[in-house]
N, C-alpha and C. Protein backbone atom coordinates (compact mmCIF):
# COMPACT_ATOMS: atom_id res chain seq x y z
N MET A 1 0.81 -1.19 0.00
CA MET A 1 0.00 0.00 0.00
C MET A 1 0.86 1.26 0.00
N ASN A 2 1.98 1.24 0.73
CA ASN A 2 2.89 2.38 0.76
C ASN A 2 3.46 2.68 -0.63
N LYS A 3 3.80 1.63 -1.36
CA LYS A 3 4.34 1.82 -2.71
C LYS A 3 3.30 2.48 -3.61
N LEU A 4 2.04 2.10 -3.47
CA LEU A 4 0.97 2.69 -4.27
C LEU A 4 0.83 4.18 -3.97
N LYS A 5 0.90 4.55 -2.69
CA LYS A 5 0.82 5.96 -2.32
C LYS A 5 2.00 6.75 -2.89
N ILE A 6 3.18 6.16 -2.86
CA ILE A 6 4.37 6.82 -3.41
C ILE A 6 4.22 7.00 -4.91
N ILE A 7 3.73 5.98 -5.58
CA ILE A 7 3.54 6.06 -7.04
C ILE A 7 2.51 7.14 -7.38
N ILE A 8 1.38 7.16 -6.66
CA ILE A 8 0.34 8.16 -6.91
C ILE A 8 0.88 9.57 -6.65
N ALA A 9 1.61 9.74 -5.57
CA ALA A 9 2.18 11.05 -5.25
C ALA A 9 3.17 11.48 -6.33
N THR A 10 3.99 10.54 -6.80
CA THR A 10 4.97 10.85 -7.85
C THR A 10 4.28 11.25 -9.14
N VAL A 11 3.26 10.48 -9.53
CA VAL A 11 2.51 10.80 -10.75
C VAL A 11 1.84 12.16 -10.62
N ALA A 12 1.24 12.43 -9.47
CA ALA A 12 0.58 13.73 -9.24
C ALA A 12 1.60 14.87 -9.34
N PHE A 13 2.76 14.69 -8.69
CA PHE A 13 3.79 15.72 -8.74
C PHE A 13 4.27 15.96 -10.16
N LEU A 14 4.53 14.88 -10.91
CA LEU A 14 4.98 15.01 -12.30
C LEU A 14 3.92 15.66 -13.17
N SER A 15 2.65 15.32 -12.95
CA SER A 15 1.56 15.91 -13.72
C SER A 15 1.48 17.41 -13.47
N ILE A 16 1.57 17.80 -12.21
CA ILE A 16 1.53 19.23 -11.88
C ILE A 16 2.73 19.94 -12.48
N ASN A 17 3.91 19.31 -12.41
CA ASN A 17 5.12 19.90 -12.98
C ASN A 17 4.98 20.08 -14.49
N VAL A 18 4.45 19.07 -15.20
CA VAL A 18 4.28 19.17 -16.65
C VAL A 18 3.26 20.23 -16.99
N LEU A 19 2.15 20.27 -16.25
CA LEU A 19 1.13 21.28 -16.52
C LEU A 19 1.64 22.69 -16.28
N SER A 20 2.46 22.86 -15.26
CA SER A 20 2.98 24.20 -14.98
C SER A 20 4.00 24.64 -16.02
N GLN A 21 4.59 23.69 -16.74
CA GLN A 21 5.56 24.04 -17.78
C GLN A 21 4.89 24.38 -19.11
N SER A 22 3.63 23.95 -19.29
CA SER A 22 2.98 24.24 -20.56
C SER A 22 2.80 25.74 -20.71
N THR A 23 2.97 26.22 -21.91
CA THR A 23 2.94 27.65 -22.14
C THR A 23 1.52 28.12 -22.42
N ASP A 24 1.24 29.32 -22.04
CA ASP A 24 -0.03 29.96 -22.34
C ASP A 24 0.11 30.56 -23.73
N VAL A 25 -0.49 29.93 -24.70
CA VAL A 25 -0.33 30.34 -26.09
C VAL A 25 -0.85 31.76 -26.33
N THR A 26 -1.77 32.23 -25.49
CA THR A 26 -2.28 33.59 -25.67
C THR A 26 -1.22 34.65 -25.39
N LYS A 27 -0.13 34.26 -24.75
CA LYS A 27 0.98 35.19 -24.46
C LYS A 27 2.03 35.20 -25.58
N GLU A 28 1.89 34.29 -26.54
CA GLU A 28 2.84 34.21 -27.65
C GLU A 28 2.66 35.41 -28.59
N PRO A 29 3.75 35.92 -29.18
CA PRO A 29 3.64 37.10 -30.05
C PRO A 29 2.82 36.84 -31.31
N GLY A 30 2.69 35.59 -31.73
CA GLY A 30 1.93 35.28 -32.94
C GLY A 30 0.47 34.98 -32.71
N TYR A 31 0.01 35.10 -31.46
CA TYR A 31 -1.39 34.81 -31.15
C TYR A 31 -2.27 36.02 -31.47
N VAL A 32 -3.44 35.76 -32.05
CA VAL A 32 -4.40 36.82 -32.34
C VAL A 32 -5.71 36.49 -31.63
N ASP A 33 -6.21 37.46 -30.87
CA ASP A 33 -7.53 37.33 -30.26
C ASP A 33 -8.53 37.95 -31.23
N PHE A 34 -9.30 37.09 -31.90
CA PHE A 34 -10.28 37.57 -32.87
C PHE A 34 -11.56 38.06 -32.20
N GLY A 35 -11.66 37.90 -30.90
CA GLY A 35 -12.85 38.32 -30.17
C GLY A 35 -13.80 37.17 -29.92
N ASP A 36 -14.94 37.50 -29.37
CA ASP A 36 -15.96 36.53 -29.00
C ASP A 36 -16.83 36.21 -30.22
N PHE A 37 -16.93 34.93 -30.55
CA PHE A 37 -17.71 34.49 -31.70
C PHE A 37 -19.07 33.92 -31.33
N THR A 38 -19.48 34.02 -30.07
CA THR A 38 -20.75 33.39 -29.68
C THR A 38 -21.94 33.95 -30.44
N ALA A 39 -21.88 35.19 -30.88
CA ALA A 39 -22.99 35.78 -31.64
C ALA A 39 -23.18 35.09 -32.99
N PHE A 40 -22.15 34.41 -33.49
CA PHE A 40 -22.23 33.77 -34.80
C PHE A 40 -22.46 32.26 -34.71
N GLU A 41 -22.56 31.73 -33.51
CA GLU A 41 -22.70 30.28 -33.33
C GLU A 41 -23.98 29.73 -33.94
N ASN A 42 -24.98 30.56 -34.15
CA ASN A 42 -26.24 30.09 -34.73
C ASN A 42 -26.26 30.17 -36.24
N SER A 43 -25.14 30.50 -36.85
CA SER A 43 -25.05 30.52 -38.31
C SER A 43 -25.39 29.13 -38.83
N THR A 44 -25.86 29.06 -40.07
CA THR A 44 -26.25 27.78 -40.66
C THR A 44 -25.10 26.80 -40.67
N LYS A 45 -23.94 27.24 -41.13
CA LYS A 45 -22.77 26.38 -41.17
C LYS A 45 -21.65 27.03 -40.38
N VAL A 46 -21.12 26.29 -39.43
CA VAL A 46 -20.04 26.77 -38.57
C VAL A 46 -18.95 25.71 -38.55
N THR A 47 -17.70 26.14 -38.75
CA THR A 47 -16.56 25.23 -38.64
C THR A 47 -15.59 25.86 -37.66
N GLU A 48 -15.19 25.07 -36.67
CA GLU A 48 -14.19 25.53 -35.71
C GLU A 48 -13.13 24.46 -35.59
N VAL A 49 -11.88 24.85 -35.81
CA VAL A 49 -10.75 23.94 -35.69
C VAL A 49 -9.79 24.53 -34.68
N ILE A 50 -9.45 23.75 -33.66
CA ILE A 50 -8.46 24.19 -32.67
C ILE A 50 -7.50 23.03 -32.45
N LEU A 51 -6.28 23.21 -32.91
CA LEU A 51 -5.24 22.20 -32.73
C LEU A 51 -4.14 22.82 -31.89
N ASP A 52 -4.04 22.38 -30.63
CA ASP A 52 -3.00 22.92 -29.76
C ASP A 52 -1.71 22.12 -29.94
N GLU A 53 -0.67 22.54 -29.25
CA GLU A 53 0.66 21.95 -29.41
C GLU A 53 0.67 20.46 -29.12
N ASP A 54 -0.05 20.04 -28.07
CA ASP A 54 -0.09 18.62 -27.72
C ASP A 54 -0.77 17.81 -28.82
N LEU A 55 -1.91 18.28 -29.29
CA LEU A 55 -2.63 17.57 -30.34
C LEU A 55 -1.83 17.56 -31.64
N LEU A 56 -1.17 18.66 -31.94
CA LEU A 56 -0.33 18.72 -33.14
C LEU A 56 0.81 17.70 -33.07
N SER A 57 1.37 17.51 -31.88
CA SER A 57 2.43 16.50 -31.71
C SER A 57 1.90 15.10 -31.97
N VAL A 58 0.70 14.82 -31.46
CA VAL A 58 0.09 13.51 -31.68
C VAL A 58 -0.19 13.30 -33.17
N LEU A 59 -0.75 14.32 -33.82
CA LEU A 59 -1.04 14.22 -35.25
C LEU A 59 0.24 14.04 -36.06
N ALA A 60 1.28 14.74 -35.66
CA ALA A 60 2.56 14.60 -36.37
C ALA A 60 3.10 13.19 -36.23
N ALA A 61 3.01 12.64 -35.03
CA ALA A 61 3.51 11.28 -34.81
C ALA A 61 2.69 10.27 -35.60
N MET A 62 1.37 10.47 -35.65
CA MET A 62 0.51 9.55 -36.40
C MET A 62 0.75 9.66 -37.90
N SER A 63 1.01 10.88 -38.37
CA SER A 63 1.20 11.11 -39.80
C SER A 63 2.61 10.81 -40.26
N ASP A 64 3.54 10.72 -39.31
CA ASP A 64 4.95 10.57 -39.65
C ASP A 64 5.23 9.38 -40.55
N GLU A 65 4.51 8.28 -40.34
CA GLU A 65 4.73 7.09 -41.14
C GLU A 65 4.30 7.30 -42.59
N ASN A 66 3.15 7.96 -42.78
CA ASN A 66 2.61 8.15 -44.12
C ASN A 66 3.23 9.34 -44.85
N ASP A 67 3.56 10.37 -44.12
CA ASP A 67 4.09 11.59 -44.72
C ASP A 67 5.18 12.16 -43.81
N PRO A 68 6.45 11.82 -44.08
CA PRO A 68 7.53 12.27 -43.19
C PRO A 68 7.68 13.79 -43.14
N ASN A 69 7.12 14.51 -44.09
CA ASN A 69 7.23 15.97 -44.08
C ASN A 69 6.34 16.62 -43.03
N ILE A 70 5.32 15.91 -42.57
CA ILE A 70 4.41 16.49 -41.59
C ILE A 70 5.13 16.87 -40.31
N MET A 71 6.05 16.03 -39.87
CA MET A 71 6.79 16.33 -38.64
C MET A 71 7.53 17.66 -38.79
N SER A 72 8.16 17.90 -39.92
CA SER A 72 8.88 19.16 -40.10
C SER A 72 7.92 20.34 -40.24
N ILE A 73 6.74 20.11 -40.81
CA ILE A 73 5.75 21.18 -40.93
C ILE A 73 5.26 21.59 -39.55
N LEU A 74 5.00 20.61 -38.70
CA LEU A 74 4.40 20.90 -37.39
C LEU A 74 5.41 21.27 -36.32
N ASN A 75 6.69 21.03 -36.57
CA ASN A 75 7.72 21.33 -35.59
C ASN A 75 7.72 22.82 -35.26
N GLY A 76 7.50 23.14 -34.02
CA GLY A 76 7.53 24.53 -33.59
C GLY A 76 6.19 25.23 -33.62
N ILE A 77 5.15 24.60 -34.17
CA ILE A 77 3.83 25.23 -34.19
C ILE A 77 3.13 24.92 -32.87
N LYS A 78 2.57 25.97 -32.26
CA LYS A 78 1.95 25.83 -30.95
C LYS A 78 0.42 25.84 -31.01
N LEU A 79 -0.14 26.41 -32.06
CA LEU A 79 -1.60 26.48 -32.16
C LEU A 79 -1.99 26.70 -33.62
N VAL A 80 -3.02 25.99 -34.03
CA VAL A 80 -3.70 26.26 -35.29
C VAL A 80 -5.16 26.43 -34.92
N LYS A 81 -5.70 27.58 -35.24
CA LYS A 81 -7.08 27.89 -34.88
C LYS A 81 -7.79 28.48 -36.09
N ALA A 82 -8.98 27.95 -36.40
CA ALA A 82 -9.77 28.47 -37.51
C ALA A 82 -11.23 28.52 -37.09
N ASN A 83 -11.86 29.64 -37.38
CA ASN A 83 -13.29 29.81 -37.18
C ASN A 83 -13.87 30.25 -38.52
N VAL A 84 -14.83 29.47 -39.04
CA VAL A 84 -15.43 29.76 -40.33
C VAL A 84 -16.95 29.77 -40.17
N TYR A 85 -17.59 30.82 -40.69
CA TYR A 85 -19.03 30.99 -40.55
C TYR A 85 -19.65 31.27 -41.91
N GLU A 86 -20.77 30.60 -42.17
CA GLU A 86 -21.52 30.90 -43.39
C GLU A 86 -22.14 32.28 -43.23
N ILE A 87 -22.06 33.07 -44.29
CA ILE A 87 -22.59 34.43 -44.24
C ILE A 87 -24.06 34.41 -44.63
N SER A 88 -24.86 35.10 -43.82
CA SER A 88 -26.29 35.24 -44.08
C SER A 88 -26.66 36.72 -43.96
N GLU A 89 -27.88 37.02 -44.28
CA GLU A 89 -28.35 38.41 -44.13
C GLU A 89 -28.26 38.85 -42.67
N ASP A 90 -28.45 37.91 -41.75
CA ASP A 90 -28.45 38.23 -40.33
C ASP A 90 -27.06 38.57 -39.78
N ASN A 91 -26.01 37.98 -40.36
CA ASN A 91 -24.69 38.16 -39.75
C ASN A 91 -23.66 38.87 -40.63
N LYS A 92 -24.00 39.15 -41.89
CA LYS A 92 -22.98 39.66 -42.81
C LYS A 92 -22.39 41.00 -42.39
N ASP A 93 -23.20 41.91 -41.90
CA ASP A 93 -22.67 43.22 -41.49
C ASP A 93 -21.74 43.10 -40.30
N GLU A 94 -22.13 42.27 -39.33
CA GLU A 94 -21.31 42.09 -38.13
C GLU A 94 -20.00 41.36 -38.46
N LEU A 95 -20.06 40.35 -39.35
CA LEU A 95 -18.83 39.65 -39.74
C LEU A 95 -17.89 40.56 -40.52
N LYS A 96 -18.44 41.36 -41.42
CA LYS A 96 -17.60 42.30 -42.17
C LYS A 96 -16.97 43.31 -41.22
N LYS A 97 -17.74 43.78 -40.24
CA LYS A 97 -17.21 44.71 -39.24
C LYS A 97 -16.08 44.05 -38.45
N ARG A 98 -16.25 42.78 -38.10
CA ARG A 98 -15.22 42.05 -37.34
C ARG A 98 -13.94 41.94 -38.17
N ILE A 99 -14.07 41.63 -39.45
CA ILE A 99 -12.90 41.54 -40.34
C ILE A 99 -12.17 42.88 -40.36
N ASP A 100 -12.92 43.97 -40.49
CA ASP A 100 -12.31 45.31 -40.52
C ASP A 100 -11.63 45.65 -39.19
N GLU A 101 -12.24 45.26 -38.07
CA GLU A 101 -11.63 45.51 -36.75
C GLU A 101 -10.32 44.74 -36.59
N VAL A 102 -10.33 43.47 -37.00
CA VAL A 102 -9.11 42.65 -36.91
C VAL A 102 -8.03 43.23 -37.81
N ASP A 103 -8.40 43.65 -39.01
CA ASP A 103 -7.45 44.25 -39.95
C ASP A 103 -6.81 45.49 -39.33
N SER A 104 -7.61 46.34 -38.74
CA SER A 104 -7.11 47.56 -38.11
C SER A 104 -6.19 47.23 -36.92
N LYS A 105 -6.61 46.28 -36.10
CA LYS A 105 -5.83 45.88 -34.93
C LYS A 105 -4.47 45.32 -35.33
N LEU A 106 -4.45 44.42 -36.32
CA LEU A 106 -3.18 43.81 -36.73
C LEU A 106 -2.27 44.85 -37.39
N SER A 107 -2.85 45.71 -38.20
CA SER A 107 -2.05 46.74 -38.87
C SER A 107 -1.36 47.67 -37.88
N SER A 108 -2.01 47.91 -36.74
CA SER A 108 -1.47 48.86 -35.77
C SER A 108 -0.61 48.21 -34.69
N THR A 109 -0.44 46.88 -34.73
CA THR A 109 0.32 46.22 -33.66
C THR A 109 1.52 45.43 -34.17
N GLY A 110 2.10 45.86 -35.27
CA GLY A 110 3.36 45.26 -35.71
C GLY A 110 3.25 44.04 -36.61
N TRP A 111 2.04 43.69 -37.02
CA TRP A 111 1.88 42.60 -37.98
C TRP A 111 2.10 43.15 -39.38
N LYS A 112 2.67 42.35 -40.26
CA LYS A 112 2.92 42.77 -41.64
C LYS A 112 1.92 42.09 -42.56
N ARG A 113 1.18 42.92 -43.28
CA ARG A 113 0.23 42.36 -44.24
C ARG A 113 1.00 41.94 -45.49
N ILE A 114 0.85 40.69 -45.88
CA ILE A 114 1.54 40.20 -47.09
C ILE A 114 0.57 39.99 -48.25
N ILE A 115 -0.72 39.91 -47.95
CA ILE A 115 -1.73 39.79 -49.00
C ILE A 115 -2.94 40.61 -48.58
N ARG A 116 -3.46 41.37 -49.53
CA ARG A 116 -4.69 42.12 -49.29
C ARG A 116 -5.52 42.10 -50.56
N THR A 117 -6.75 41.67 -50.42
CA THR A 117 -7.69 41.68 -51.54
C THR A 117 -8.95 42.36 -51.05
N ARG A 118 -9.36 43.38 -51.77
CA ARG A 118 -10.61 44.06 -51.44
C ARG A 118 -11.37 44.24 -52.74
N GLY A 119 -12.55 43.68 -52.76
CA GLY A 119 -13.41 43.82 -53.92
C GLY A 119 -14.84 43.99 -53.45
N GLU A 120 -15.75 44.05 -54.40
CA GLU A 120 -17.15 44.23 -54.07
C GLU A 120 -17.69 43.05 -53.27
N ASP A 121 -17.24 41.85 -53.60
CA ASP A 121 -17.77 40.65 -52.97
C ASP A 121 -16.82 39.93 -52.04
N GLU A 122 -15.56 40.40 -51.95
CA GLU A 122 -14.59 39.67 -51.14
C GLU A 122 -13.59 40.60 -50.48
N ILE A 123 -13.24 40.22 -49.25
CA ILE A 123 -12.16 40.88 -48.52
C ILE A 123 -11.27 39.75 -48.00
N ALA A 124 -9.97 39.86 -48.26
CA ALA A 124 -9.04 38.85 -47.75
C ALA A 124 -7.76 39.54 -47.30
N ASN A 125 -7.25 39.11 -46.17
CA ASN A 125 -6.00 39.63 -45.63
C ASN A 125 -5.18 38.49 -45.08
N VAL A 126 -3.88 38.52 -45.34
CA VAL A 126 -2.96 37.57 -44.75
C VAL A 126 -1.84 38.38 -44.10
N TYR A 127 -1.63 38.13 -42.81
CA TYR A 127 -0.62 38.83 -42.03
C TYR A 127 0.39 37.84 -41.48
N ILE A 128 1.60 38.33 -41.30
CA ILE A 128 2.61 37.57 -40.58
C ILE A 128 3.17 38.43 -39.45
N LYS A 129 3.60 37.75 -38.40
CA LYS A 129 4.25 38.42 -37.27
C LYS A 129 5.68 37.92 -37.22
N LEU A 130 6.64 38.83 -37.23
CA LEU A 130 8.06 38.48 -37.19
C LEU A 130 8.62 38.71 -35.79
N ASN A 131 9.56 37.86 -35.39
CA ASN A 131 10.24 38.10 -34.13
C ASN A 131 11.48 38.96 -34.40
N ASN A 132 12.31 39.17 -33.40
CA ASN A 132 13.50 40.02 -33.56
C ASN A 132 14.51 39.44 -34.54
N ASP A 133 14.49 38.12 -34.73
CA ASP A 133 15.40 37.47 -35.68
C ASP A 133 14.82 37.40 -37.09
N LYS A 134 13.71 38.09 -37.31
CA LYS A 134 13.02 38.12 -38.60
C LYS A 134 12.49 36.75 -39.01
N LYS A 135 12.15 35.92 -38.03
CA LYS A 135 11.51 34.63 -38.28
C LYS A 135 10.01 34.81 -38.05
N ILE A 136 9.23 34.09 -38.82
CA ILE A 136 7.78 34.19 -38.70
C ILE A 136 7.32 33.40 -37.48
N VAL A 137 6.61 34.08 -36.57
CA VAL A 137 6.11 33.43 -35.35
C VAL A 137 4.58 33.47 -35.27
N GLY A 138 3.95 34.04 -36.28
CA GLY A 138 2.49 34.08 -36.31
C GLY A 138 1.99 34.33 -37.71
N LEU A 139 0.85 33.74 -38.00
CA LEU A 139 0.18 33.94 -39.28
C LEU A 139 -1.30 34.15 -38.97
N ALA A 140 -1.89 35.17 -39.57
CA ALA A 140 -3.32 35.43 -39.39
C ALA A 140 -3.93 35.63 -40.77
N VAL A 141 -5.07 34.97 -40.97
CA VAL A 141 -5.80 35.08 -42.23
C VAL A 141 -7.24 35.45 -41.90
N THR A 142 -7.74 36.48 -42.57
CA THR A 142 -9.16 36.80 -42.49
C THR A 142 -9.71 36.83 -43.90
N ASN A 143 -10.92 36.31 -44.06
CA ASN A 143 -11.51 36.23 -45.39
C ASN A 143 -13.01 36.42 -45.27
N PHE A 144 -13.58 37.21 -46.16
CA PHE A 144 -15.02 37.47 -46.20
C PHE A 144 -15.48 37.37 -47.64
N GLU A 145 -16.35 36.43 -47.92
CA GLU A 145 -16.94 36.28 -49.25
C GLU A 145 -18.43 36.55 -49.12
N LYS A 146 -18.91 37.60 -49.78
CA LYS A 146 -20.27 38.11 -49.60
C LYS A 146 -21.33 37.01 -49.60
N ASP A 147 -21.31 36.11 -50.54
CA ASP A 147 -22.31 35.04 -50.61
C ASP A 147 -21.73 33.70 -50.20
N GLY A 148 -20.71 33.72 -49.35
CA GLY A 148 -20.05 32.48 -48.96
C GLY A 148 -19.81 32.39 -47.48
N GLU A 149 -18.55 32.54 -47.10
CA GLU A 149 -18.14 32.34 -45.71
C GLU A 149 -17.22 33.46 -45.25
N ALA A 150 -17.15 33.60 -43.94
CA ALA A 150 -16.15 34.46 -43.30
C ALA A 150 -15.24 33.54 -42.51
N ALA A 151 -13.93 33.74 -42.66
CA ALA A 151 -12.96 32.87 -41.99
C ALA A 151 -11.96 33.70 -41.21
N PHE A 152 -11.58 33.17 -40.05
CA PHE A 152 -10.58 33.77 -39.19
C PHE A 152 -9.61 32.64 -38.81
N VAL A 153 -8.37 32.73 -39.26
CA VAL A 153 -7.39 31.67 -39.03
C VAL A 153 -6.16 32.27 -38.36
N ASN A 154 -5.64 31.56 -37.36
CA ASN A 154 -4.42 31.99 -36.67
C ASN A 154 -3.53 30.78 -36.44
N ILE A 155 -2.26 30.92 -36.84
CA ILE A 155 -1.26 29.89 -36.56
C ILE A 155 -0.18 30.55 -35.72
N VAL A 156 0.16 29.90 -34.61
CA VAL A 156 1.12 30.45 -33.66
C VAL A 156 2.31 29.52 -33.57
N GLY A 157 3.51 30.08 -33.66
CA GLY A 157 4.73 29.29 -33.53
C GLY A 157 5.68 29.60 -34.66
N ASN A 158 6.72 28.80 -34.79
CA ASN A 158 7.69 28.98 -35.87
C ASN A 158 7.07 28.48 -37.17
N ILE A 159 6.95 29.38 -38.13
CA ILE A 159 6.18 29.08 -39.34
C ILE A 159 7.06 29.21 -40.58
N ASP A 160 6.94 28.22 -41.44
CA ASP A 160 7.57 28.24 -42.75
C ASP A 160 6.44 28.37 -43.77
N LEU A 161 6.33 29.54 -44.42
CA LEU A 161 5.22 29.77 -45.35
C LEU A 161 5.18 28.76 -46.49
N ALA A 162 6.33 28.24 -46.87
CA ALA A 162 6.36 27.28 -47.97
C ALA A 162 5.61 25.99 -47.65
N THR A 163 5.45 25.70 -46.36
CA THR A 163 4.78 24.45 -45.98
C THR A 163 3.40 24.66 -45.36
N ILE A 164 3.00 25.90 -45.11
CA ILE A 164 1.75 26.15 -44.41
C ILE A 164 0.54 25.73 -45.24
N GLY A 165 0.58 25.91 -46.55
CA GLY A 165 -0.52 25.47 -47.41
C GLY A 165 -0.70 23.96 -47.34
N LYS A 166 0.40 23.24 -47.23
CA LYS A 166 0.33 21.78 -47.11
C LYS A 166 -0.35 21.38 -45.81
N LEU A 167 -0.11 22.13 -44.74
CA LEU A 167 -0.75 21.86 -43.46
C LEU A 167 -2.27 21.99 -43.59
N GLY A 168 -2.72 23.05 -44.24
CA GLY A 168 -4.15 23.26 -44.42
C GLY A 168 -4.80 22.16 -45.23
N LYS A 169 -4.12 21.74 -46.28
CA LYS A 169 -4.66 20.65 -47.11
C LYS A 169 -4.66 19.33 -46.36
N LYS A 170 -3.61 19.05 -45.62
CA LYS A 170 -3.48 17.78 -44.91
C LYS A 170 -4.57 17.60 -43.87
N PHE A 171 -4.88 18.67 -43.11
CA PHE A 171 -5.86 18.56 -42.04
C PHE A 171 -7.20 19.18 -42.40
N GLY A 172 -7.40 19.58 -43.67
CA GLY A 172 -8.69 20.08 -44.12
C GLY A 172 -9.12 21.37 -43.45
N ILE A 173 -8.17 22.28 -43.21
CA ILE A 173 -8.49 23.55 -42.56
C ILE A 173 -8.91 24.55 -43.64
N PRO A 174 -10.17 24.98 -43.61
CA PRO A 174 -10.67 25.88 -44.65
C PRO A 174 -9.82 27.14 -44.76
N HIS A 175 -9.59 27.57 -45.97
CA HIS A 175 -8.89 28.81 -46.32
C HIS A 175 -7.39 28.79 -46.01
N LEU A 176 -6.91 27.80 -45.29
CA LEU A 176 -5.49 27.72 -44.99
C LEU A 176 -4.75 27.01 -46.12
N GLY A 177 -5.41 26.08 -46.76
CA GLY A 177 -4.81 25.36 -47.87
C GLY A 177 -4.53 26.26 -49.06
N GLU A 178 -5.13 27.45 -49.07
CA GLU A 178 -4.96 28.39 -50.18
C GLU A 178 -3.81 29.37 -49.97
N VAL A 179 -3.20 29.38 -48.80
CA VAL A 179 -2.18 30.38 -48.47
C VAL A 179 -1.01 30.36 -49.45
N ASN A 180 -0.53 29.18 -49.79
CA ASN A 180 0.61 29.08 -50.68
C ASN A 180 0.20 28.51 -52.04
N HIS A 181 -1.10 28.60 -52.36
CA HIS A 181 -1.65 28.00 -53.57
C HIS A 181 -1.04 28.58 -54.85
N ASP A 182 -0.89 29.90 -54.92
CA ASP A 182 -0.34 30.52 -56.12
C ASP A 182 1.06 30.06 -56.42
N ASN A 183 1.90 29.92 -55.40
CA ASN A 183 3.28 29.46 -55.60
C ASN A 183 3.31 28.02 -56.10
N GLU A 184 2.39 27.18 -55.62
CA GLU A 184 2.37 25.79 -56.05
C GLU A 184 1.96 25.70 -57.52
N GLU A 185 1.02 26.57 -57.95
CA GLU A 185 0.60 26.52 -59.34
C GLU A 185 1.73 26.92 -60.28
N LYS A 186 2.58 27.84 -59.84
CA LYS A 186 3.69 28.30 -60.68
C LYS A 186 4.78 27.24 -60.77
N ASN A 187 4.95 26.42 -59.71
CA ASN A 187 6.02 25.42 -59.67
C ASN A 187 5.62 24.15 -60.38
């Protein structure tokens, strides 16, 4: 019985130690707070993807046998988050306003816009956040298609843009698979 108590105490101590070492991804420089989406939860079609560092490690290990490049793609990524909402008459003005607010916030806080599309029916922005070593530590994508969907995507961690489109395609993350689409078509 004493050995069981020692084992339980050791496991508890190690669990607390591991949990205390996990990082709060919201404190990372590449994290974007898109705001509260509960007002859009009643949209006809809603897609939410949240892959944290632990889950990404598991996915990388599972995918490693079939696609050895996945491990290198996921190495250093701490969070992949996507919120996609079907646009309706009820939510289109609020979603467009949210896209504009995020655009303004990122533009004024040191994010670099690398893609901007503004048209009558579509708004799209792709931002990157660089650290002091000029390495990409965050990617944010916002997209609004008048008769389609609004998407908010954030990737936090060490990012290689050449492989980010592959990540979106591999895990079926809407609008992320298109990030490097133009470069792939040219190659």
